[in-house]
Amino acid sequence: MKGLIFNIKRYSIHDGPGIRVSFFMKGCPLKCLWCHNPEGISPYPEYVNKSNKVGTRIFTHREEVGKYYSVDDIMAILDKDGVFIRQSGGGVTFTGGEPMLQVDFLLQVLKSCKVNGYHTAVDTSGYSSNENFKAIIPFTDLFLFDLKHLDNERHLEITGCENREILKNYQLLLESGKDIMVRIPVIPGYNDDKNHLDNLMRFIMTTKTDSVRKINLLPFHRIGSSKYKRFNLPYKMEGVQQPSSERMKQLQEFFSGSGIKVKIGG
């Protein structure tokens, strides 16, 4: 069995505790308007043209986006950095895309990671079946869980998917006792209005358990906008500005009222 991965980030420090290796798994059922990794949306390998300028000359080549890796391949990559990972209290994070879209491979590789002593994390939108989450819970130490919008209709408008199953899965993970880091993308004009922020704060407060370790506020940025042209995708966030540092600090203070540690960024 193999999994389709479009990027591997070694020495990552933003996807869980310690030094980690993050595997970006290809394919996502959501179509978030602000997606920073459009290369992770399609569940199939893709080819894009990339150009490099050397002096006055421009060289263009085709690059494959998405390669298949076996569980043994993943373990070999982890073992290269195993000393640094373990000494730092780090581990491995599966992100994307949406890792749960390849749940059979994800389950097998999580099992192997645990057998070999690696701390495991899954970064997820929460959009999958209850049964899929129940399958991976025993082999996952930490869930990085996105809360994009609480209103079902608005969630459908801005992500292409409803949020009912997402919220059910969030409750399931809370009940599991596994560590959770809540990730909230801050998208001006889409989910940062006072009404939604108040509802989100209330939701976090009324559902929180000791399992919720941290809230990460992820400010919208335009870094990934250039990728859309390469993948022939329309970029729909042209007029949206990145939230100011002052605005992010205000939101950090606001969500700190939950009693949960709040960090700006991943």
Protein backbone atom coordinates (compact mmCIF):
# COMPACT_ATOMS: atom_id res chain seq x y z
CA MET A 1 0.00 0.00 0.00
CA LYS A 2 1.24 3.47 -0.88
CA GLY A 3 0.20 7.02 -0.14
CA LEU A 4 0.34 10.05 -2.43
CA ILE A 5 2.44 12.87 -0.96
CA PHE A 6 3.18 16.25 -2.55
CA ASN A 7 5.69 17.69 -0.07
CA ILE A 8 7.92 16.58 2.78
CA LYS A 9 9.11 19.16 5.28
CA ARG A 10 11.97 18.12 7.53
CA TYR A 11 12.89 19.95 10.73
CA SER A 12 9.39 21.39 10.99
CA ILE A 13 8.60 23.21 14.24
CA HIS A 14 5.07 24.46 13.53
CA ASP A 15 3.08 21.23 13.21
CA GLY A 16 3.28 19.92 16.74
CA PRO A 17 5.84 19.75 19.56
CA GLY A 18 9.58 19.49 18.97
CA ILE A 19 11.36 18.86 15.70
CA ARG A 20 9.13 16.99 13.29
CA VAL A 21 8.88 15.67 9.77
CA SER A 22 5.66 16.80 8.09
CA PHE A 23 4.24 14.80 5.21
CA PHE A 24 1.79 16.69 3.01
CA MET A 25 -0.73 14.18 1.67
CA LYS A 26 -2.41 14.92 -1.64
CA GLY A 27 -6.15 15.29 -2.08
CA CYS A 28 -8.72 17.34 -0.20
CA PRO A 29 -12.55 17.22 -0.25
CA LEU A 30 -12.76 20.90 0.76
CA LYS A 31 -12.28 23.77 -1.65
CA CYS A 32 -11.52 26.60 0.78
CA LEU A 33 -11.45 29.92 -1.05
CA TRP A 34 -8.22 30.90 0.71
CA CYS A 35 -6.38 27.58 0.35
CA HIS A 36 -2.61 28.11 0.63
CA ASN A 37 -1.76 24.70 -0.81
CA PRO A 38 -3.79 24.38 -4.04
CA GLU A 39 -1.33 21.72 -5.18
CA GLY A 40 -2.81 19.52 -2.45
CA ILE A 41 -6.42 19.67 -3.67
CA SER A 42 -6.38 17.10 -6.47
CA PRO A 43 -6.12 13.46 -5.29
CA TYR A 44 -3.99 12.60 -8.34
CA PRO A 45 -0.39 13.32 -9.40
CA GLU A 46 -0.08 16.48 -11.47
CA TYR A 47 2.55 18.10 -13.66
CA VAL A 48 3.32 21.81 -13.72
CA ASN A 49 5.77 23.95 -15.65
CA LYS A 50 8.41 25.68 -13.53
CA SER A 51 10.83 28.33 -14.77
CA ASN A 52 14.29 29.17 -13.48
CA LYS A 53 16.22 32.23 -14.54
CA VAL A 54 19.99 31.97 -14.94
CA GLY A 55 21.45 35.30 -15.95
CA THR A 56 19.31 36.49 -18.84
CA ARG A 57 18.17 33.01 -19.81
CA ILE A 58 15.01 31.30 -18.60
CA PHE A 59 14.88 27.52 -18.36
CA THR A 60 11.51 25.77 -18.13
CA HIS A 61 10.97 22.21 -16.96
CA ARG A 62 8.02 20.04 -16.04
CA GLU A 63 7.76 19.05 -12.41
CA GLU A 64 5.71 16.22 -10.96
CA VAL A 65 3.55 17.18 -8.00
CA GLY A 66 2.66 14.13 -5.96
CA LYS A 67 4.69 10.96 -5.55
CA TYR A 68 3.74 7.61 -4.07
CA TYR A 69 5.49 6.44 -0.90
CA SER A 70 5.22 3.13 0.92
CA VAL A 71 5.12 2.82 4.71
CA ASP A 72 8.74 1.63 4.58
CA ASP A 73 9.66 4.75 2.58
CA ILE A 74 8.13 6.95 5.27
CA MET A 75 9.94 5.12 8.05
CA ALA A 76 13.27 5.40 6.23
CA ILE A 77 12.82 9.19 5.97
CA LEU A 78 11.93 9.45 9.66
CA ASP A 79 14.83 7.29 10.77
CA LYS A 80 17.32 9.63 9.07
CA ASP A 81 16.29 12.34 11.53
CA GLY A 82 15.32 9.99 14.35
CA VAL A 83 17.95 11.21 16.81
CA PHE A 84 16.95 14.87 16.43
CA ILE A 85 13.26 14.04 16.54
CA ARG A 86 13.49 12.06 19.76
CA GLN A 87 15.91 14.41 21.54
CA SER A 88 13.60 17.37 20.86
CA GLY A 89 10.42 15.56 21.90
CA GLY A 90 9.22 15.79 18.33
CA GLY A 91 7.64 13.34 15.94
CA VAL A 92 5.81 13.06 12.65
CA THR A 93 2.85 15.05 11.34
CA PHE A 94 0.56 14.08 8.49
CA THR A 95 -1.03 17.11 6.90
CA GLY A 96 -2.18 18.10 3.43
CA GLY A 97 -4.42 18.38 1.64
CA GLU A 98 -6.55 16.23 3.89
CA PRO A 99 -4.83 13.11 5.29
CA MET A 100 -8.17 11.45 6.04
CA LEU A 101 -8.83 11.19 2.29
CA GLN A 102 -6.16 8.45 2.28
CA VAL A 103 -7.24 6.92 5.56
CA ASP A 104 -6.23 3.32 4.79
CA PHE A 105 -2.63 4.32 4.11
CA LEU A 106 -2.71 6.82 6.98
CA LEU A 107 -3.80 4.10 9.40
CA GLN A 108 -1.00 1.76 8.35
CA VAL A 109 1.71 4.41 8.55
CA LEU A 110 0.46 5.66 11.93
CA LYS A 111 0.64 2.12 13.30
CA SER A 112 4.20 1.76 12.04
CA CYS A 113 5.20 5.10 13.53
CA LYS A 114 3.87 4.10 16.94
CA VAL A 115 5.63 0.71 16.81
CA ASN A 116 8.87 2.59 16.13
CA GLY A 117 8.37 5.06 18.96
CA TYR A 118 7.41 8.22 17.08
CA HIS A 119 4.96 10.80 18.43
CA THR A 120 2.20 11.13 15.82
CA ALA A 121 0.05 14.08 14.78
CA VAL A 122 -2.69 14.43 12.18
CA ASP A 123 -3.60 17.87 10.82
CA THR A 124 -7.20 17.65 9.63
CA SER A 125 -10.21 19.65 8.50
CA GLY A 126 -12.32 17.06 10.29
CA TYR A 127 -14.20 16.20 7.11
CA SER A 128 -14.41 12.40 7.08
CA SER A 129 -16.56 9.69 8.57
CA ASN A 130 -16.82 9.02 12.29
CA GLU A 131 -15.63 5.48 11.61
CA ASN A 132 -12.45 6.72 9.92
CA PHE A 133 -11.55 8.83 12.93
CA LYS A 134 -12.31 5.99 15.32
CA ALA A 135 -9.86 3.84 13.34
CA ILE A 136 -6.90 6.22 13.68
CA ILE A 137 -7.52 7.55 17.21
CA PRO A 138 -5.59 4.73 18.96
CA PHE A 139 -2.48 5.50 16.90
CA THR A 140 -2.60 9.32 16.95
CA ASP A 141 -1.14 11.33 19.84
CA LEU A 142 -2.19 14.79 18.68
CA PHE A 143 -4.87 16.19 16.39
CA LEU A 144 -4.46 19.60 14.77
CA PHE A 145 -8.12 20.36 14.11
CA ASP A 146 -9.40 23.20 11.91
CA LEU A 147 -12.48 25.17 12.89
CA LYS A 148 -13.23 27.32 9.84
CA HIS A 149 -16.84 28.39 10.41
CA LEU A 150 -19.59 27.24 12.75
CA ASP A 151 -22.56 28.15 10.56
CA ASN A 152 -23.30 25.21 8.28
CA GLU A 153 -24.52 27.24 5.29
CA ARG A 154 -21.64 29.70 5.49
CA HIS A 155 -19.19 26.82 5.83
CA LEU A 156 -20.64 25.31 2.66
CA GLU A 157 -20.27 28.63 0.82
CA ILE A 158 -16.61 29.17 1.66
CA THR A 159 -15.29 25.59 1.71
CA GLY A 160 -17.65 23.66 -0.57
CA CYS A 161 -18.58 21.27 2.25
CA GLU A 162 -21.01 21.27 5.16
CA ASN A 163 -19.66 21.20 8.72
CA ARG A 164 -22.07 18.86 10.50
CA GLU A 165 -19.77 15.82 10.33
CA ILE A 166 -16.78 18.02 11.15
CA LEU A 167 -18.34 19.16 14.43
CA LYS A 168 -19.37 15.59 15.27
CA ASN A 169 -15.81 14.45 14.72
CA TYR A 170 -14.49 17.27 16.87
CA GLN A 171 -16.73 16.08 19.70
CA LEU A 172 -15.52 12.52 19.14
CA LEU A 173 -11.90 13.60 19.50
CA LEU A 174 -12.71 15.57 22.65
CA GLU A 175 -14.27 12.45 24.14
CA SER A 176 -11.26 10.35 23.11
CA GLY A 177 -8.97 12.23 25.47
CA LYS A 178 -6.32 12.69 22.80
CA ASP A 179 -4.45 16.00 22.68
CA ILE A 180 -6.00 18.61 20.39
CA MET A 181 -4.68 21.87 19.01
CA VAL A 182 -7.54 23.94 17.58
CA ARG A 183 -6.55 25.83 14.43
CA ILE A 184 -8.62 28.84 13.44
CA PRO A 185 -7.88 30.47 10.06
CA VAL A 186 -8.52 34.21 10.31
CA ILE A 187 -9.95 35.24 6.93
CA PRO A 188 -11.06 38.90 6.79
CA GLY A 189 -14.62 39.23 5.56
CA TYR A 190 -15.31 35.50 5.77
CA ASN A 191 -15.09 34.33 9.38
CA ASP A 192 -13.77 37.24 11.46
CA ASP A 193 -17.00 39.14 12.14
CA LYS A 194 -17.98 39.74 15.76
CA ASN A 195 -21.04 37.48 15.66
CA HIS A 196 -19.08 34.48 14.43
CA LEU A 197 -16.14 35.11 16.77
CA ASP A 198 -18.52 35.30 19.75
CA ASN A 199 -20.21 32.06 18.66
CA LEU A 200 -16.84 30.39 18.16
CA MET A 201 -15.64 31.47 21.59
CA ARG A 202 -18.85 30.19 23.15
CA PHE A 203 -18.50 26.88 21.31
CA ILE A 204 -14.91 26.41 22.45
CA MET A 205 -15.80 27.29 26.04
CA THR A 206 -18.82 24.97 26.25
CA THR A 207 -17.08 21.99 24.65
CA LYS A 208 -13.54 22.31 25.96
CA THR A 209 -11.85 19.59 27.96
CA ASP A 210 -8.32 19.19 29.30
CA SER A 211 -7.45 17.66 25.92
CA VAL A 212 -7.52 21.06 24.18
CA ARG A 213 -3.90 22.15 24.60
CA LYS A 214 -3.72 25.23 22.42
CA ILE A 215 -5.51 27.49 19.97
CA ASN A 216 -3.56 28.51 16.88
CA LEU A 217 -4.78 31.62 15.07
CA LEU A 218 -3.67 31.38 11.44
CA PRO A 219 -3.74 34.77 9.69
CA PHE A 220 -4.69 34.83 6.03
CA HIS A 221 -1.74 35.45 3.72
CA ARG A 222 -1.20 35.63 -0.03
CA ILE A 223 2.01 33.61 -0.20
CA GLY A 224 0.35 30.77 -2.09
CA SER A 225 -1.40 32.97 -4.66
CA SER A 226 1.26 32.42 -7.34
CA LYS A 227 0.64 28.68 -7.24
CA TYR A 228 -2.84 29.09 -8.69
CA LYS A 229 -1.57 30.12 -12.11
CA ARG A 230 0.71 27.10 -12.30
CA PHE A 231 -2.24 24.79 -11.62
CA ASN A 232 -4.69 26.68 -13.87
CA LEU A 233 -6.93 27.51 -10.93
CA PRO A 234 -8.75 30.81 -10.37
CA TYR A 235 -7.51 32.83 -7.39
CA LYS A 236 -10.59 34.16 -5.60
CA MET A 237 -8.96 36.17 -2.79
CA GLU A 238 -7.48 39.01 -4.85
CA GLY A 239 -9.08 41.82 -2.87
CA VAL A 240 -8.56 40.33 0.60
CA GLN A 241 -5.85 41.87 2.76
CA GLN A 242 -3.83 40.07 5.40
CA PRO A 243 -5.03 40.93 8.94
CA SER A 244 -2.74 43.38 10.72
CA SER A 245 -0.54 42.34 13.62
CA GLU A 246 -2.68 44.58 15.86
CA ARG A 247 -5.82 42.74 14.77
CA MET A 248 -4.19 39.36 15.42
CA LYS A 249 -3.11 40.48 18.89
CA GLN A 250 -6.68 41.57 19.62
CA LEU A 251 -7.94 38.13 18.61
CA GLN A 252 -5.23 36.46 20.66
CA GLU A 253 -6.36 38.38 23.73
CA PHE A 254 -10.00 37.62 22.95
CA PHE A 255 -9.52 33.85 22.69
CA SER A 256 -7.22 33.82 25.72
CA GLY A 257 -10.41 34.42 27.67
CA SER A 258 -11.15 30.74 27.09
CA GLY A 259 -8.38 29.80 29.50
CA ILE A 260 -6.55 27.99 26.69
CA LYS A 261 -3.10 29.02 25.52
CA VAL A 262 -3.39 31.01 22.27
CA LYS A 263 -0.63 31.37 19.68
CA ILE A 264 -0.57 33.46 16.51
CA GLY A 265 0.61 31.22 13.69
CA GLY A 266 1.14 27.46 13.45
